[in-house]
Amino acid sequence: MSNTPPLPLGIAQVIDTVNFRFGQACSWLTLFLVFGTALVVILRYGLNMGATALQEAVLYAHALVFMGAAAWALQRNAHVRVDIFYQQFGGRRQALVEILGTLFLLLPVCLFLGWASWDYVANSWSTREGSSESGGLKFVYLQKSIILVLVVSLALQGVSNLIKAIYLLLGILPEQEVKHG
């Protein structure tokens, strides 16, 4: 018997690995947020100097920390849930809640966000939108693209969680392999 997982579980593992690594990379940006913000304050109030590009870089990093790491948080079961009942459920019932929540909440929200933001991001790319501030960054279109990164990574993580929950319900995957965090 081969140790190779079935194709859907292999896909779920790849999604998990990519989102885990991307989430960890995004989490390191919090150090930049702290030091970048401190430097902006020191420059502005200590030396009476503006640093528009640095302020905008901090803003971009802030967006990437939260939107880029959202799928990692979902993978680790760190999103806000109504845990009053969920934590008391057994693994199979939790898997059923995961399936229903993914199919009827997460994926439709991701589809809506993608649909609603597509033109917004595409228009920004078509003009290579830059900052309206003098000395600002010329990459506003990249910042707006983070919305689509959120949509894709969150939807893919939902698919990964869905695959694992289905395999748990079918009895193919042990409960401990589906637990997050």
N, C-alpha and C. Protein backbone atom coordinates (compact mmCIF):
# COMPACT_ATOMS: atom_id res chain seq x y z
N MET A 1 0.84 -1.19 0.00
CA MET A 1 0.00 0.00 0.00
C MET A 1 0.88 1.24 0.00
N SER A 2 0.52 2.21 -0.78
CA SER A 2 1.30 3.44 -0.93
C SER A 2 0.97 4.43 0.18
N ASN A 3 1.97 5.23 0.56
CA ASN A 3 1.76 6.28 1.55
C ASN A 3 1.28 7.58 0.91
N THR A 4 1.12 7.58 -0.40
CA THR A 4 0.67 8.77 -1.11
C THR A 4 -0.81 8.99 -0.82
N PRO A 5 -1.17 10.21 -0.37
CA PRO A 5 -2.58 10.48 -0.08
C PRO A 5 -3.38 10.57 -1.37
N PRO A 6 -4.70 10.36 -1.29
CA PRO A 6 -5.54 10.55 -2.47
C PRO A 6 -5.37 11.97 -3.01
N LEU A 7 -5.61 12.15 -4.30
CA LEU A 7 -5.38 13.43 -4.95
C LEU A 7 -6.03 14.62 -4.22
N PRO A 8 -7.30 14.53 -3.83
CA PRO A 8 -7.89 15.69 -3.13
C PRO A 8 -7.15 16.04 -1.84
N LEU A 9 -6.72 15.03 -1.09
CA LEU A 9 -5.96 15.32 0.14
C LEU A 9 -4.59 15.89 -0.18
N GLY A 10 -3.99 15.44 -1.27
CA GLY A 10 -2.72 16.02 -1.70
C GLY A 10 -2.88 17.48 -2.06
N ILE A 11 -3.97 17.81 -2.74
CA ILE A 11 -4.27 19.20 -3.08
C ILE A 11 -4.47 20.01 -1.81
N ALA A 12 -5.20 19.44 -0.85
CA ALA A 12 -5.42 20.14 0.43
C ALA A 12 -4.10 20.40 1.14
N GLN A 13 -3.18 19.43 1.09
CA GLN A 13 -1.88 19.62 1.73
C GLN A 13 -1.08 20.73 1.07
N VAL A 14 -1.14 20.80 -0.26
CA VAL A 14 -0.43 21.87 -0.97
C VAL A 14 -1.02 23.23 -0.59
N ILE A 15 -2.34 23.33 -0.59
CA ILE A 15 -3.00 24.59 -0.21
C ILE A 15 -2.60 24.98 1.21
N ASP A 16 -2.64 24.01 2.13
CA ASP A 16 -2.27 24.28 3.52
C ASP A 16 -0.83 24.78 3.62
N THR A 17 0.07 24.14 2.90
CA THR A 17 1.48 24.53 2.96
C THR A 17 1.69 25.94 2.42
N VAL A 18 1.08 26.24 1.27
CA VAL A 18 1.23 27.57 0.68
C VAL A 18 0.65 28.64 1.61
N ASN A 19 -0.56 28.41 2.12
CA ASN A 19 -1.17 29.40 3.01
C ASN A 19 -0.41 29.54 4.33
N PHE A 20 0.14 28.44 4.82
CA PHE A 20 0.93 28.49 6.05
C PHE A 20 2.17 29.35 5.85
N ARG A 21 2.89 29.09 4.78
CA ARG A 21 4.13 29.85 4.52
C ARG A 21 3.84 31.32 4.21
N PHE A 22 2.80 31.57 3.43
CA PHE A 22 2.44 32.95 3.11
C PHE A 22 1.98 33.68 4.37
N GLY A 23 1.21 33.01 5.20
CA GLY A 23 0.75 33.61 6.46
C GLY A 23 1.90 33.93 7.39
N GLN A 24 2.85 33.02 7.49
CA GLN A 24 4.02 33.29 8.33
C GLN A 24 4.83 34.46 7.79
N ALA A 25 5.00 34.51 6.48
CA ALA A 25 5.73 35.64 5.87
C ALA A 25 5.01 36.95 6.17
N CYS A 26 3.70 36.95 6.06
CA CYS A 26 2.93 38.16 6.36
C CYS A 26 3.05 38.55 7.83
N SER A 27 3.13 37.56 8.70
CA SER A 27 3.22 37.87 10.13
C SER A 27 4.52 38.59 10.47
N TRP A 28 5.58 38.34 9.71
CA TRP A 28 6.84 39.04 9.95
C TRP A 28 6.74 40.52 9.62
N LEU A 29 5.76 40.89 8.82
CA LEU A 29 5.57 42.30 8.50
C LEU A 29 5.15 43.12 9.72
N THR A 30 4.68 42.44 10.76
CA THR A 30 4.30 43.19 11.97
C THR A 30 5.50 43.90 12.59
N LEU A 31 6.69 43.32 12.45
CA LEU A 31 7.89 44.01 12.93
C LEU A 31 8.11 45.30 12.16
N PHE A 32 7.93 45.23 10.84
CA PHE A 32 8.04 46.44 10.03
C PHE A 32 6.98 47.45 10.44
N LEU A 33 5.77 46.98 10.75
CA LEU A 33 4.71 47.90 11.18
C LEU A 33 5.12 48.66 12.44
N VAL A 34 5.68 47.96 13.40
CA VAL A 34 6.09 48.59 14.65
C VAL A 34 7.21 49.60 14.41
N PHE A 35 8.27 49.15 13.76
CA PHE A 35 9.42 50.03 13.56
C PHE A 35 9.13 51.13 12.54
N GLY A 36 8.38 50.80 11.50
CA GLY A 36 8.01 51.81 10.50
C GLY A 36 7.14 52.90 11.09
N THR A 37 6.16 52.51 11.90
CA THR A 37 5.29 53.49 12.55
C THR A 37 6.08 54.34 13.53
N ALA A 38 6.95 53.71 14.30
CA ALA A 38 7.78 54.46 15.24
C ALA A 38 8.66 55.47 14.50
N LEU A 39 9.23 55.05 13.39
CA LEU A 39 10.07 55.95 12.61
C LEU A 39 9.27 57.12 12.02
N VAL A 40 8.06 56.85 11.55
CA VAL A 40 7.20 57.92 11.04
C VAL A 40 6.92 58.94 12.13
N VAL A 41 6.62 58.46 13.34
CA VAL A 41 6.33 59.36 14.46
C VAL A 41 7.57 60.17 14.84
N ILE A 42 8.72 59.50 14.91
CA ILE A 42 9.96 60.21 15.27
C ILE A 42 10.30 61.27 14.22
N LEU A 43 10.18 60.89 12.95
CA LEU A 43 10.47 61.85 11.88
C LEU A 43 9.50 63.03 11.92
N ARG A 44 8.23 62.73 12.12
CA ARG A 44 7.21 63.78 12.05
C ARG A 44 7.26 64.70 13.26
N TYR A 45 7.26 64.12 14.45
CA TYR A 45 7.15 64.94 15.66
C TYR A 45 8.50 65.26 16.30
N GLY A 46 9.50 64.44 16.04
CA GLY A 46 10.81 64.72 16.61
C GLY A 46 11.68 65.59 15.72
N LEU A 47 11.62 65.33 14.41
CA LEU A 47 12.48 66.05 13.47
C LEU A 47 11.70 66.95 12.52
N ASN A 48 10.38 66.99 12.68
CA ASN A 48 9.51 67.83 11.86
C ASN A 48 9.70 67.56 10.36
N MET A 49 9.83 66.26 10.02
CA MET A 49 10.00 65.84 8.63
C MET A 49 8.87 64.89 8.25
N GLY A 50 8.36 65.06 7.06
CA GLY A 50 7.35 64.13 6.57
C GLY A 50 8.01 62.94 5.89
N ALA A 51 7.33 61.84 5.88
CA ALA A 51 7.84 60.63 5.22
C ALA A 51 6.65 59.91 4.58
N THR A 52 6.10 60.52 3.54
CA THR A 52 4.89 60.00 2.90
C THR A 52 5.08 58.58 2.39
N ALA A 53 6.18 58.31 1.73
CA ALA A 53 6.42 56.97 1.19
C ALA A 53 6.48 55.94 2.31
N LEU A 54 7.12 56.28 3.42
CA LEU A 54 7.19 55.36 4.55
C LEU A 54 5.81 55.15 5.16
N GLN A 55 5.04 56.23 5.31
CA GLN A 55 3.68 56.10 5.84
C GLN A 55 2.85 55.18 4.96
N GLU A 56 2.96 55.34 3.66
CA GLU A 56 2.19 54.50 2.75
C GLU A 56 2.70 53.06 2.76
N ALA A 57 4.00 52.87 2.91
CA ALA A 57 4.54 51.51 3.00
C ALA A 57 4.00 50.80 4.24
N VAL A 58 3.89 51.54 5.34
CA VAL A 58 3.30 50.97 6.57
C VAL A 58 1.84 50.60 6.32
N LEU A 59 1.12 51.45 5.61
CA LEU A 59 -0.28 51.18 5.28
C LEU A 59 -0.39 49.93 4.41
N TYR A 60 0.47 49.79 3.41
CA TYR A 60 0.46 48.62 2.54
C TYR A 60 0.74 47.36 3.36
N ALA A 61 1.74 47.44 4.24
CA ALA A 61 2.10 46.29 5.08
C ALA A 61 0.95 45.91 6.00
N HIS A 62 0.27 46.91 6.53
CA HIS A 62 -0.88 46.66 7.41
C HIS A 62 -1.95 45.88 6.67
N ALA A 63 -2.25 46.29 5.44
CA ALA A 63 -3.24 45.57 4.63
C ALA A 63 -2.79 44.14 4.36
N LEU A 64 -1.53 43.97 4.06
CA LEU A 64 -1.01 42.64 3.75
C LEU A 64 -1.00 41.73 4.98
N VAL A 65 -0.72 42.29 6.14
CA VAL A 65 -0.73 41.48 7.37
C VAL A 65 -2.12 40.87 7.58
N PHE A 66 -3.14 41.69 7.48
CA PHE A 66 -4.48 41.19 7.78
C PHE A 66 -5.11 40.42 6.63
N MET A 67 -4.99 40.92 5.43
CA MET A 67 -5.62 40.23 4.31
C MET A 67 -4.78 39.05 3.82
N GLY A 68 -3.48 39.18 3.90
CA GLY A 68 -2.61 38.10 3.45
C GLY A 68 -2.59 36.92 4.40
N ALA A 69 -2.79 37.18 5.67
CA ALA A 69 -2.74 36.11 6.67
C ALA A 69 -4.12 35.57 7.04
N ALA A 70 -5.17 36.04 6.40
CA ALA A 70 -6.53 35.59 6.74
C ALA A 70 -6.71 34.10 6.50
N ALA A 71 -6.18 33.59 5.41
CA ALA A 71 -6.31 32.16 5.12
C ALA A 71 -5.53 31.32 6.13
N TRP A 72 -4.39 31.83 6.55
CA TRP A 72 -3.59 31.14 7.58
C TRP A 72 -4.38 31.09 8.88
N ALA A 73 -5.05 32.18 9.21
CA ALA A 73 -5.88 32.20 10.42
C ALA A 73 -7.02 31.19 10.29
N LEU A 74 -7.63 31.11 9.12
CA LEU A 74 -8.70 30.12 8.91
C LEU A 74 -8.14 28.71 9.06
N GLN A 75 -6.98 28.48 8.51
CA GLN A 75 -6.35 27.16 8.60
C GLN A 75 -6.10 26.77 10.06
N ARG A 76 -5.71 27.73 10.86
CA ARG A 76 -5.39 27.48 12.27
C ARG A 76 -6.62 27.58 13.17
N ASN A 77 -7.80 27.76 12.55
CA ASN A 77 -9.05 27.87 13.28
C ASN A 77 -9.04 29.08 14.22
N ALA A 78 -8.40 30.15 13.78
CA ALA A 78 -8.26 31.35 14.61
C ALA A 78 -9.28 32.43 14.26
N HIS A 79 -10.17 32.16 13.31
CA HIS A 79 -11.21 33.13 12.98
C HIS A 79 -12.28 33.11 14.06
N VAL A 80 -12.98 34.20 14.18
CA VAL A 80 -14.07 34.30 15.15
C VAL A 80 -15.21 33.39 14.69
N ARG A 81 -15.69 32.58 15.60
CA ARG A 81 -16.83 31.70 15.33
C ARG A 81 -17.78 31.79 16.51
N VAL A 82 -18.93 31.24 16.30
CA VAL A 82 -19.85 31.09 17.42
C VAL A 82 -19.49 29.74 18.05
N ASP A 83 -18.61 29.79 19.03
CA ASP A 83 -18.06 28.57 19.61
C ASP A 83 -18.87 28.00 20.76
N ILE A 84 -19.99 28.61 21.06
CA ILE A 84 -20.79 28.14 22.20
C ILE A 84 -21.13 26.66 22.04
N PHE A 85 -21.54 26.29 20.83
CA PHE A 85 -21.92 24.90 20.59
C PHE A 85 -20.80 24.12 19.89
N TYR A 86 -20.10 24.78 19.00
CA TYR A 86 -19.11 24.12 18.14
C TYR A 86 -18.07 23.35 18.95
N GLN A 87 -17.55 23.96 20.01
CA GLN A 87 -16.49 23.31 20.79
C GLN A 87 -16.98 22.06 21.51
N GLN A 88 -18.29 21.98 21.75
CA GLN A 88 -18.84 20.81 22.43
C GLN A 88 -19.14 19.67 21.47
N PHE A 89 -19.13 19.96 20.18
CA PHE A 89 -19.43 18.94 19.18
C PHE A 89 -18.26 17.98 19.02
N GLY A 90 -18.58 16.76 18.64
CA GLY A 90 -17.56 15.79 18.29
C GLY A 90 -16.97 16.12 16.92
N GLY A 91 -15.94 15.40 16.55
CA GLY A 91 -15.23 15.67 15.30
C GLY A 91 -16.11 15.57 14.07
N ARG A 92 -16.99 14.58 14.02
CA ARG A 92 -17.85 14.41 12.84
C ARG A 92 -18.86 15.55 12.73
N ARG A 93 -19.41 15.97 13.84
CA ARG A 93 -20.37 17.08 13.80
C ARG A 93 -19.66 18.39 13.47
N GLN A 94 -18.45 18.58 14.00
CA GLN A 94 -17.67 19.76 13.63
C GLN A 94 -17.36 19.75 12.14
N ALA A 95 -17.06 18.58 11.60
CA ALA A 95 -16.80 18.47 10.16
C ALA A 95 -18.03 18.86 9.35
N LEU A 96 -19.20 18.45 9.82
CA LEU A 96 -20.44 18.82 9.13
C LEU A 96 -20.66 20.34 9.19
N VAL A 97 -20.41 20.94 10.35
CA VAL A 97 -20.52 22.40 10.47
C VAL A 97 -19.51 23.08 9.55
N GLU A 98 -18.31 22.53 9.47
CA GLU A 98 -17.27 23.07 8.57
C GLU A 98 -17.73 23.02 7.11
N ILE A 99 -18.30 21.91 6.72
CA ILE A 99 -18.78 21.75 5.34
C ILE A 99 -19.89 22.76 5.04
N LEU A 100 -20.88 22.82 5.91
CA LEU A 100 -22.00 23.74 5.69
C LEU A 100 -21.55 25.20 5.72
N GLY A 101 -20.70 25.53 6.68
CA GLY A 101 -20.20 26.91 6.78
C GLY A 101 -19.38 27.31 5.57
N THR A 102 -18.57 26.38 5.08
CA THR A 102 -17.75 26.68 3.90
C THR A 102 -18.62 26.85 2.66
N LEU A 103 -19.55 25.92 2.47
CA LEU A 103 -20.38 25.96 1.26
C LEU A 103 -21.38 27.11 1.24
N PHE A 104 -21.95 27.43 2.40
CA PHE A 104 -23.04 28.42 2.42
C PHE A 104 -22.64 29.79 2.96
N LEU A 105 -21.46 29.89 3.54
CA LEU A 105 -21.01 31.19 4.06
C LEU A 105 -19.69 31.63 3.42
N LEU A 106 -18.64 30.87 3.67
CA LEU A 106 -17.30 31.29 3.24
C LEU A 106 -17.18 31.44 1.72
N LEU A 107 -17.50 30.40 0.98
CA LEU A 107 -17.32 30.46 -0.47
C LEU A 107 -18.23 31.50 -1.14
N PRO A 108 -19.50 31.62 -0.74
CA PRO A 108 -20.30 32.70 -1.32
C PRO A 108 -19.76 34.10 -1.00
N VAL A 109 -19.26 34.30 0.21
CA VAL A 109 -18.67 35.60 0.55
C VAL A 109 -17.43 35.85 -0.29
N CYS A 110 -16.60 34.83 -0.47
CA CYS A 110 -15.40 34.99 -1.32
C CYS A 110 -15.80 35.31 -2.75
N LEU A 111 -16.81 34.63 -3.27
CA LEU A 111 -17.27 34.92 -4.63
C LEU A 111 -17.78 36.35 -4.74
N PHE A 112 -18.55 36.78 -3.76
CA PHE A 112 -19.07 38.15 -3.78
C PHE A 112 -17.93 39.17 -3.70
N LEU A 113 -16.99 38.95 -2.79
CA LEU A 113 -15.87 39.88 -2.67
C LEU A 113 -15.06 39.95 -3.96
N GLY A 114 -14.83 38.80 -4.56
CA GLY A 114 -14.09 38.78 -5.83
C GLY A 114 -14.84 39.51 -6.92
N TRP A 115 -16.13 39.25 -7.02
CA TRP A 115 -16.96 39.91 -8.03
C TRP A 115 -17.03 41.42 -7.79
N ALA A 116 -17.24 41.81 -6.53
CA ALA A 116 -17.40 43.23 -6.20
C ALA A 116 -16.11 44.02 -6.35
N SER A 117 -14.97 43.37 -6.17
CA SER A 117 -13.71 44.11 -6.20
C SER A 117 -12.96 43.99 -7.52
N TRP A 118 -13.40 43.11 -8.41
CA TRP A 118 -12.66 42.86 -9.65
C TRP A 118 -12.46 44.14 -10.46
N ASP A 119 -13.53 44.87 -10.75
CA ASP A 119 -13.40 46.10 -11.55
C ASP A 119 -12.57 47.15 -10.84
N TYR A 120 -12.75 47.24 -9.54
CA TYR A 120 -11.99 48.19 -8.72
C TYR A 120 -10.49 47.96 -8.87
N VAL A 121 -10.09 46.70 -8.77
CA VAL A 121 -8.67 46.34 -8.89
C VAL A 121 -8.22 46.46 -10.35
N ALA A 122 -9.03 45.98 -11.28
CA ALA A 122 -8.66 46.02 -12.70
C ALA A 122 -8.49 47.46 -13.19
N ASN A 123 -9.37 48.35 -12.77
CA ASN A 123 -9.23 49.76 -13.16
C ASN A 123 -7.94 50.37 -12.62
N SER A 124 -7.60 49.99 -11.41
CA SER A 124 -6.36 50.48 -10.82
C SER A 124 -5.15 49.98 -11.60
N TRP A 125 -5.18 48.72 -12.01
CA TRP A 125 -4.09 48.15 -12.80
C TRP A 125 -4.03 48.80 -14.18
N SER A 126 -5.18 49.06 -14.77
CA SER A 126 -5.18 49.60 -16.14
C SER A 126 -4.52 50.98 -16.22
N THR A 127 -4.57 51.71 -15.13
CA THR A 127 -3.94 53.04 -15.11
C THR A 127 -2.63 53.04 -14.33
N ARG A 128 -2.23 51.85 -13.81
CA ARG A 128 -1.05 51.76 -12.95
C ARG A 128 -1.13 52.85 -11.88
N GLU A 129 -2.26 52.84 -11.18
CA GLU A 129 -2.58 53.88 -10.21
C GLU A 129 -1.46 54.04 -9.18
N GLY A 130 -1.11 55.27 -8.94
CA GLY A 130 -0.11 55.61 -7.94
C GLY A 130 -0.71 56.49 -6.87
N SER A 131 0.08 56.83 -5.92
CA SER A 131 -0.37 57.67 -4.81
C SER A 131 -0.74 59.07 -5.31
N SER A 132 -1.75 59.64 -4.69
CA SER A 132 -2.12 61.02 -5.02
C SER A 132 -1.29 62.01 -4.21
N GLU A 133 -0.52 61.52 -3.26
CA GLU A 133 0.33 62.37 -2.43
C GLU A 133 1.70 62.53 -3.09
N SER A 134 2.25 63.73 -3.00
CA SER A 134 3.61 63.92 -3.52
C SER A 134 4.58 63.15 -2.64
N GLY A 135 5.47 62.44 -3.25
CA GLY A 135 6.43 61.63 -2.50
C GLY A 135 5.85 60.28 -2.08
N GLY A 136 4.63 60.00 -2.50
CA GLY A 136 4.00 58.72 -2.14
C GLY A 136 4.44 57.60 -3.06
N LEU A 137 4.05 56.41 -2.72
CA LEU A 137 4.41 55.23 -3.51
C LEU A 137 3.58 55.18 -4.79
N LYS A 138 4.17 54.64 -5.80
CA LYS A 138 3.52 54.58 -7.12
C LYS A 138 2.85 53.23 -7.36
N PHE A 139 2.50 52.52 -6.29
CA PHE A 139 2.01 51.15 -6.43
C PHE A 139 0.65 50.93 -5.79
N VAL A 140 -0.24 51.88 -5.88
CA VAL A 140 -1.57 51.72 -5.29
C VAL A 140 -2.27 50.50 -5.89
N TYR A 141 -2.04 50.24 -7.17
CA TYR A 141 -2.66 49.09 -7.83
C TYR A 141 -2.23 47.78 -7.17
N LEU A 142 -1.01 47.71 -6.66
CA LEU A 142 -0.57 46.50 -5.95
C LEU A 142 -1.29 46.37 -4.62
N GLN A 143 -1.45 47.49 -3.93
CA GLN A 143 -2.15 47.45 -2.66
C GLN A 143 -3.59 46.98 -2.86
N LYS A 144 -4.25 47.49 -3.88
CA LYS A 144 -5.63 47.08 -4.14
C LYS A 144 -5.71 45.60 -4.52
N SER A 145 -4.66 45.08 -5.11
CA SER A 145 -4.63 43.66 -5.49
C SER A 145 -4.64 42.74 -4.28
N ILE A 146 -4.28 43.26 -3.14
CA ILE A 146 -4.30 42.46 -1.91
C ILE A 146 -5.71 41.95 -1.63
N ILE A 147 -6.72 42.69 -2.07
CA ILE A 147 -8.10 42.23 -1.90
C ILE A 147 -8.30 40.90 -2.62
N LEU A 148 -7.77 40.79 -3.83
CA LEU A 148 -7.92 39.54 -4.58
C LEU A 148 -7.07 38.42 -3.99
N VAL A 149 -5.92 38.78 -3.41
CA VAL A 149 -5.11 37.78 -2.69
C VAL A 149 -5.93 37.20 -1.54
N LEU A 150 -6.62 38.08 -0.81
CA LEU A 150 -7.50 37.63 0.27
C LEU A 150 -8.55 36.66 -0.26
N VAL A 151 -9.23 37.04 -1.32
CA VAL A 151 -10.31 36.22 -1.87
C VAL A 151 -9.80 34.85 -2.29
N VAL A 152 -8.72 34.82 -3.05
CA VAL A 152 -8.21 33.55 -3.58
C VAL A 152 -7.67 32.67 -2.46
N SER A 153 -6.86 33.23 -1.58
CA SER A 153 -6.27 32.41 -0.52
C SER A 153 -7.32 31.90 0.46
N LEU A 154 -8.30 32.73 0.78
CA LEU A 154 -9.37 32.32 1.70
C LEU A 154 -10.25 31.25 1.06
N ALA A 155 -10.59 31.43 -0.22
CA ALA A 155 -11.41 30.42 -0.91
C ALA A 155 -10.65 29.10 -1.01
N LEU A 156 -9.36 29.16 -1.36
CA LEU A 156 -8.58 27.92 -1.45
C LEU A 156 -8.47 27.23 -0.09
N GLN A 157 -8.29 28.01 0.98
CA GLN A 157 -8.22 27.39 2.30
C GLN A 157 -9.57 26.78 2.67
N GLY A 158 -10.64 27.44 2.26
CA GLY A 158 -11.97 26.86 2.47
C GLY A 158 -12.11 25.53 1.76
N VAL A 159 -11.61 25.45 0.53
CA VAL A 159 -11.66 24.19 -0.23
C VAL A 159 -10.83 23.12 0.47
N SER A 160 -9.66 23.50 0.96
CA SER A 160 -8.82 22.55 1.70
C SER A 160 -9.54 22.03 2.94
N ASN A 161 -10.12 22.94 3.70
CA ASN A 161 -10.86 22.52 4.90
C ASN A 161 -12.06 21.65 4.54
N LEU A 162 -12.70 21.98 3.43
CA LEU A 162 -13.85 21.21 2.95
C LEU A 162 -13.43 19.79 2.60
N ILE A 163 -12.33 19.65 1.88
CA ILE A 163 -11.82 18.32 1.51
C ILE A 163 -11.55 17.50 2.76
N LYS A 164 -10.85 18.09 3.73
CA LYS A 164 -10.50 17.34 4.94
C LYS A 164 -11.74 16.97 5.75
N ALA A 165 -12.72 17.87 5.79
CA ALA A 165 -13.96 17.58 6.53
C ALA A 165 -14.74 16.46 5.86
N ILE A 166 -14.79 16.46 4.54
CA ILE A 166 -15.49 15.38 3.82
C ILE A 166 -14.79 14.05 4.06
N TYR A 167 -13.47 14.04 4.01
CA TYR A 167 -12.73 12.80 4.26
C TYR A 167 -12.91 12.32 5.69
N LEU A 168 -13.06 13.24 6.63
CA LEU A 168 -13.33 12.84 8.00
C LEU A 168 -14.72 12.21 8.09
N LEU A 169 -15.72 12.84 7.47
CA LEU A 169 -17.07 12.28 7.50
C LEU A 169 -17.14 10.91 6.85
N LEU A 170 -16.34 10.69 5.82
CA LEU A 170 -16.31 9.40 5.14
C LEU A 170 -15.50 8.36 5.91
N GLY A 171 -14.83 8.79 6.98
CA GLY A 171 -14.05 7.87 7.79
C GLY A 171 -12.68 7.56 7.21
N ILE A 172 -12.26 8.31 6.21
CA ILE A 172 -10.96 8.07 5.56
C ILE A 172 -9.84 8.79 6.30
N LEU A 173 -10.15 9.90 6.92
CA LEU A 173 -9.15 10.71 7.60
C LEU A 173 -9.44 10.70 9.09
N PRO A 174 -8.43 10.37 9.92
CA PRO A 174 -8.64 10.40 11.37
C PRO A 174 -8.94 11.81 11.86
N GLU A 175 -9.71 11.89 12.92
CA GLU A 175 -10.15 13.18 13.46
C GLU A 175 -8.99 14.09 13.82
N GLN A 176 -7.92 13.57 14.40
CA GLN A 176 -6.80 14.41 14.83
C GLN A 176 -6.08 15.06 13.66
N GLU A 177 -6.19 14.50 12.46
CA GLU A 177 -5.53 15.10 11.29
C GLU A 177 -6.30 16.29 10.73
N VAL A 178 -7.54 16.46 11.17
CA VAL A 178 -8.37 17.55 10.67
C VAL A 178 -8.34 18.72 11.63
N LYS A 179 -8.00 18.48 12.88
CA LYS A 179 -7.98 19.56 13.87
C LYS A 179 -7.04 20.66 13.42
N HIS A 180 -7.44 21.89 13.67
CA HIS A 180 -6.66 23.06 13.29
C HIS A 180 -5.91 23.58 14.50
N GLY A 181 -4.92 24.42 14.20
CA GLY A 181 -4.23 25.16 15.25
C GLY A 181 -3.20 24.44 15.95
